[in-house]
Each structure stands twice: as C-alpha cells, then as structure tokens.
Amino acid sequence: MPGQGKRKRRQQTERQRAAARTAPDAGRWEVTLETRDKAELRAHLHRLGEERVDESMIRIDTLCGRLEHPTTYRLSRFVADPT
C-alpha cells in the first residue's frame, strides 16, 4: 500500500522519542489514581484532558483480577527529575 512504509517509520520514530522521554534515568512514574471504577478513571482522564496534560506522559495499567481480586485500574503520570 502506498505510504505504509513512511507511516510505519514515523510511528517507530514517535515510539522511540516517547521511550527516550520516559526512560528510567529521566524520571519516574507516579501513581495518581487507583480505582476499581472505570467511570471514575474516565472522569479523572477527562479532567487531565481539560488541564491539557501531555497524553504521552500518562500510563494506564489494568490489573486483571479474578473472583477474589476484582479488576483494578491504575493511572500513573511521568514526573521528570528536576535536574
């Protein structure tokens, strides 16, 4: 397909840039919200969107559970080192 190689190279470059920005020596991931309610997670994400927070600096982890441990959602934000 025309343009597919160009798009893949651009996406790969963007992934490498994001990985370099969130490297372990550049800062740390700080948990801002941990909930079992998906609606609460969406509301918090909406508030972050209104604050114009960079989406590439936010990570959502889904901790899948079973009967005794229900599914939990963890929202983390990358905090850069002050140096």
N, C-alpha and C. Protein backbone atom coordinates (compact mmCIF):
# COMPACT_ATOMS: atom_id res chain seq x y z
N MET A 1 0.84 -1.18 0.00
CA MET A 1 0.00 0.00 0.00
C MET A 1 0.89 1.24 0.00
N PRO A 2 0.53 2.22 -0.76
CA PRO A 2 1.32 3.45 -0.81
C PRO A 2 1.33 4.18 0.53
N GLY A 3 2.48 4.63 0.95
CA GLY A 3 2.60 5.41 2.17
C GLY A 3 2.71 4.59 3.44
N GLN A 4 2.56 3.27 3.35
CA GLN A 4 2.59 2.43 4.54
C GLN A 4 3.98 2.43 5.19
N GLY A 5 5.02 2.34 4.39
CA GLY A 5 6.38 2.35 4.93
C GLY A 5 6.70 3.67 5.62
N LYS A 6 6.28 4.76 5.01
CA LYS A 6 6.52 6.09 5.60
C LYS A 6 5.79 6.22 6.94
N ARG A 7 4.55 5.74 6.99
CA ARG A 7 3.76 5.81 8.22
C ARG A 7 4.40 4.95 9.32
N LYS A 8 4.85 3.75 8.96
CA LYS A 8 5.48 2.88 9.94
C LYS A 8 6.77 3.48 10.48
N ARG A 9 7.57 4.08 9.62
CA ARG A 9 8.80 4.73 10.08
C ARG A 9 8.49 5.89 11.01
N ARG A 10 7.46 6.67 10.68
CA ARG A 10 7.07 7.81 11.53
C ARG A 10 6.59 7.32 12.89
N GLN A 11 5.78 6.25 12.91
CA GLN A 11 5.29 5.70 14.16
C GLN A 11 6.43 5.15 15.00
N GLN A 12 7.39 4.48 14.37
CA GLN A 12 8.54 3.95 15.08
C GLN A 12 9.37 5.08 15.68
N THR A 13 9.54 6.15 14.95
CA THR A 13 10.28 7.31 15.46
C THR A 13 9.56 7.92 16.66
N GLU A 14 8.24 8.02 16.59
CA GLU A 14 7.47 8.56 17.70
C GLU A 14 7.58 7.67 18.94
N ARG A 15 7.55 6.35 18.75
CA ARG A 15 7.69 5.42 19.88
C ARG A 15 9.06 5.54 20.51
N GLN A 16 10.11 5.67 19.70
CA GLN A 16 11.46 5.82 20.22
C GLN A 16 11.61 7.14 21.00
N ARG A 17 11.01 8.19 20.49
CA ARG A 17 11.06 9.50 21.15
C ARG A 17 10.36 9.44 22.51
N ALA A 18 9.20 8.79 22.55
CA ALA A 18 8.45 8.66 23.81
C ALA A 18 9.22 7.79 24.80
N ALA A 19 9.86 6.73 24.32
CA ALA A 19 10.65 5.86 25.20
C ALA A 19 11.84 6.62 25.78
N ALA A 20 12.45 7.48 25.00
CA ALA A 20 13.59 8.26 25.50
C ALA A 20 13.13 9.29 26.54
N ARG A 21 11.94 9.87 26.34
CA ARG A 21 11.43 10.86 27.29
C ARG A 21 11.06 10.23 28.62
N THR A 22 10.64 8.97 28.61
CA THR A 22 10.20 8.31 29.84
C THR A 22 11.19 7.25 30.31
N ALA A 23 12.44 7.40 29.95
CA ALA A 23 13.48 6.46 30.37
C ALA A 23 13.65 6.53 31.88
N PRO A 24 14.07 5.42 32.51
CA PRO A 24 14.23 5.41 33.97
C PRO A 24 15.17 6.48 34.52
N ASP A 25 16.18 6.87 33.77
CA ASP A 25 17.10 7.89 34.26
C ASP A 25 16.56 9.31 34.08
N ALA A 26 15.43 9.46 33.37
CA ALA A 26 14.85 10.79 33.14
C ALA A 26 13.80 11.16 34.18
N GLY A 27 13.34 10.20 34.95
CA GLY A 27 12.32 10.47 35.95
C GLY A 27 11.69 9.19 36.44
N ARG A 28 10.44 9.32 36.96
CA ARG A 28 9.75 8.15 37.50
C ARG A 28 8.25 8.25 37.24
N TRP A 29 7.58 7.11 37.28
CA TRP A 29 6.13 7.05 37.13
C TRP A 29 5.51 7.17 38.52
N GLU A 30 4.62 8.14 38.70
CA GLU A 30 3.97 8.37 39.98
C GLU A 30 2.48 8.03 39.86
N VAL A 31 1.99 7.16 40.72
CA VAL A 31 0.58 6.75 40.68
C VAL A 31 -0.27 7.91 41.17
N THR A 32 -1.25 8.32 40.35
CA THR A 32 -2.14 9.42 40.73
C THR A 32 -3.53 8.93 41.09
N LEU A 33 -3.90 7.76 40.60
CA LEU A 33 -5.24 7.23 40.88
C LEU A 33 -5.22 5.72 40.78
N GLU A 34 -5.84 5.07 41.75
CA GLU A 34 -6.01 3.62 41.70
C GLU A 34 -7.45 3.34 42.10
N THR A 35 -8.21 2.75 41.20
CA THR A 35 -9.63 2.55 41.43
C THR A 35 -10.12 1.27 40.77
N ARG A 36 -11.28 0.81 41.21
CA ARG A 36 -11.94 -0.32 40.57
C ARG A 36 -13.08 0.14 39.68
N ASP A 37 -13.38 1.44 39.74
CA ASP A 37 -14.49 2.01 38.99
C ASP A 37 -13.99 2.63 37.68
N LYS A 38 -14.43 2.07 36.56
CA LYS A 38 -13.98 2.56 35.26
C LYS A 38 -14.50 3.97 34.98
N ALA A 39 -15.68 4.30 35.48
CA ALA A 39 -16.24 5.64 35.28
C ALA A 39 -15.39 6.69 36.00
N GLU A 40 -14.90 6.35 37.18
CA GLU A 40 -14.03 7.28 37.91
C GLU A 40 -12.72 7.50 37.15
N LEU A 41 -12.20 6.44 36.55
CA LEU A 41 -10.98 6.55 35.75
C LEU A 41 -11.22 7.49 34.56
N ARG A 42 -12.34 7.29 33.86
CA ARG A 42 -12.64 8.15 32.71
C ARG A 42 -12.82 9.61 33.13
N ALA A 43 -13.47 9.84 34.28
CA ALA A 43 -13.66 11.20 34.77
C ALA A 43 -12.32 11.87 35.08
N HIS A 44 -11.42 11.11 35.69
CA HIS A 44 -10.10 11.66 36.00
C HIS A 44 -9.32 11.97 34.73
N LEU A 45 -9.41 11.07 33.74
CA LEU A 45 -8.75 11.32 32.45
C LEU A 45 -9.33 12.55 31.77
N HIS A 46 -10.64 12.74 31.89
CA HIS A 46 -11.29 13.92 31.30
C HIS A 46 -10.75 15.19 31.95
N ARG A 47 -10.60 15.17 33.28
CA ARG A 47 -10.06 16.34 33.98
C ARG A 47 -8.62 16.63 33.54
N LEU A 48 -7.83 15.58 33.36
CA LEU A 48 -6.46 15.78 32.88
C LEU A 48 -6.45 16.36 31.48
N GLY A 49 -7.39 15.93 30.64
CA GLY A 49 -7.51 16.47 29.29
C GLY A 49 -7.86 17.95 29.31
N GLU A 50 -8.71 18.36 30.25
CA GLU A 50 -9.06 19.78 30.38
C GLU A 50 -7.87 20.60 30.83
N GLU A 51 -6.97 19.98 31.60
CA GLU A 51 -5.76 20.67 32.07
C GLU A 51 -4.66 20.68 31.01
N ARG A 52 -4.93 20.06 29.86
CA ARG A 52 -4.01 19.99 28.73
C ARG A 52 -2.71 19.26 29.10
N VAL A 53 -2.86 18.15 29.83
CA VAL A 53 -1.71 17.31 30.19
C VAL A 53 -1.31 16.50 28.97
N ASP A 54 -0.01 16.36 28.75
CA ASP A 54 0.51 15.60 27.62
C ASP A 54 0.12 14.13 27.76
N GLU A 55 -0.62 13.61 26.79
CA GLU A 55 -1.12 12.23 26.86
C GLU A 55 0.00 11.20 26.85
N SER A 56 1.13 11.52 26.24
CA SER A 56 2.22 10.56 26.18
C SER A 56 2.90 10.39 27.54
N MET A 57 2.59 11.25 28.49
CA MET A 57 3.19 11.17 29.82
C MET A 57 2.24 10.54 30.83
N ILE A 58 1.17 9.90 30.34
CA ILE A 58 0.19 9.24 31.20
C ILE A 58 0.17 7.77 30.84
N ARG A 59 0.09 6.92 31.85
CA ARG A 59 0.05 5.48 31.63
C ARG A 59 -1.11 4.89 32.43
N ILE A 60 -1.86 4.00 31.78
CA ILE A 60 -2.97 3.31 32.43
C ILE A 60 -2.61 1.83 32.51
N ASP A 61 -2.60 1.30 33.73
CA ASP A 61 -2.34 -0.12 33.94
C ASP A 61 -3.65 -0.77 34.38
N THR A 62 -3.97 -1.89 33.77
CA THR A 62 -5.15 -2.65 34.15
C THR A 62 -4.68 -3.91 34.84
N LEU A 63 -4.94 -3.99 36.13
CA LEU A 63 -4.55 -5.14 36.91
C LEU A 63 -5.73 -6.10 36.91
N CYS A 64 -5.67 -7.10 36.07
CA CYS A 64 -6.79 -8.02 35.89
C CYS A 64 -6.92 -8.94 37.09
N GLY A 65 -8.14 -9.05 37.54
CA GLY A 65 -8.39 -9.87 38.70
C GLY A 65 -9.27 -11.06 38.38
N ARG A 66 -9.58 -11.78 39.39
CA ARG A 66 -10.48 -12.92 39.30
C ARG A 66 -11.54 -12.73 40.38
N LEU A 67 -12.12 -13.80 40.81
CA LEU A 67 -13.21 -13.70 41.76
C LEU A 67 -12.82 -13.03 43.07
N GLU A 68 -11.67 -13.40 43.62
CA GLU A 68 -11.28 -12.84 44.90
C GLU A 68 -10.57 -11.49 44.79
N HIS A 69 -10.03 -11.16 43.61
CA HIS A 69 -9.37 -9.88 43.38
C HIS A 69 -9.98 -9.22 42.16
N PRO A 70 -10.88 -8.26 42.35
CA PRO A 70 -11.50 -7.62 41.18
C PRO A 70 -10.51 -6.79 40.38
N THR A 71 -10.86 -6.50 39.13
CA THR A 71 -10.02 -5.71 38.25
C THR A 71 -9.81 -4.32 38.82
N THR A 72 -8.56 -3.87 38.80
CA THR A 72 -8.20 -2.55 39.31
C THR A 72 -7.51 -1.76 38.20
N TYR A 73 -7.81 -0.47 38.13
CA TYR A 73 -7.20 0.43 37.15
C TYR A 73 -6.26 1.36 37.89
N ARG A 74 -5.04 1.50 37.35
CA ARG A 74 -4.04 2.37 37.97
C ARG A 74 -3.60 3.40 36.93
N LEU A 75 -3.75 4.67 37.28
CA LEU A 75 -3.36 5.77 36.42
C LEU A 75 -2.07 6.38 36.96
N SER A 76 -1.03 6.40 36.13
CA SER A 76 0.26 6.94 36.53
C SER A 76 0.65 8.09 35.63
N ARG A 77 1.40 9.01 36.18
CA ARG A 77 1.88 10.18 35.43
C ARG A 77 3.39 10.24 35.56
N PHE A 78 4.07 10.50 34.45
CA PHE A 78 5.53 10.56 34.48
C PHE A 78 5.97 11.90 35.05
N VAL A 79 6.85 11.81 36.05
CA VAL A 79 7.39 13.00 36.70
C VAL A 79 8.87 13.05 36.39
N ALA A 80 9.29 14.08 35.70
CA ALA A 80 10.70 14.23 35.31
C ALA A 80 11.53 14.66 36.51
N ASP A 81 12.78 14.22 36.53
CA ASP A 81 13.71 14.65 37.58
C ASP A 81 13.96 16.15 37.42
N PRO A 82 14.09 16.86 38.52
CA PRO A 82 14.30 18.31 38.45
C PRO A 82 15.63 18.72 37.84
N THR A 83 16.57 17.80 37.71
CA THR A 83 17.90 18.16 37.19
C THR A 83 17.89 18.30 35.69
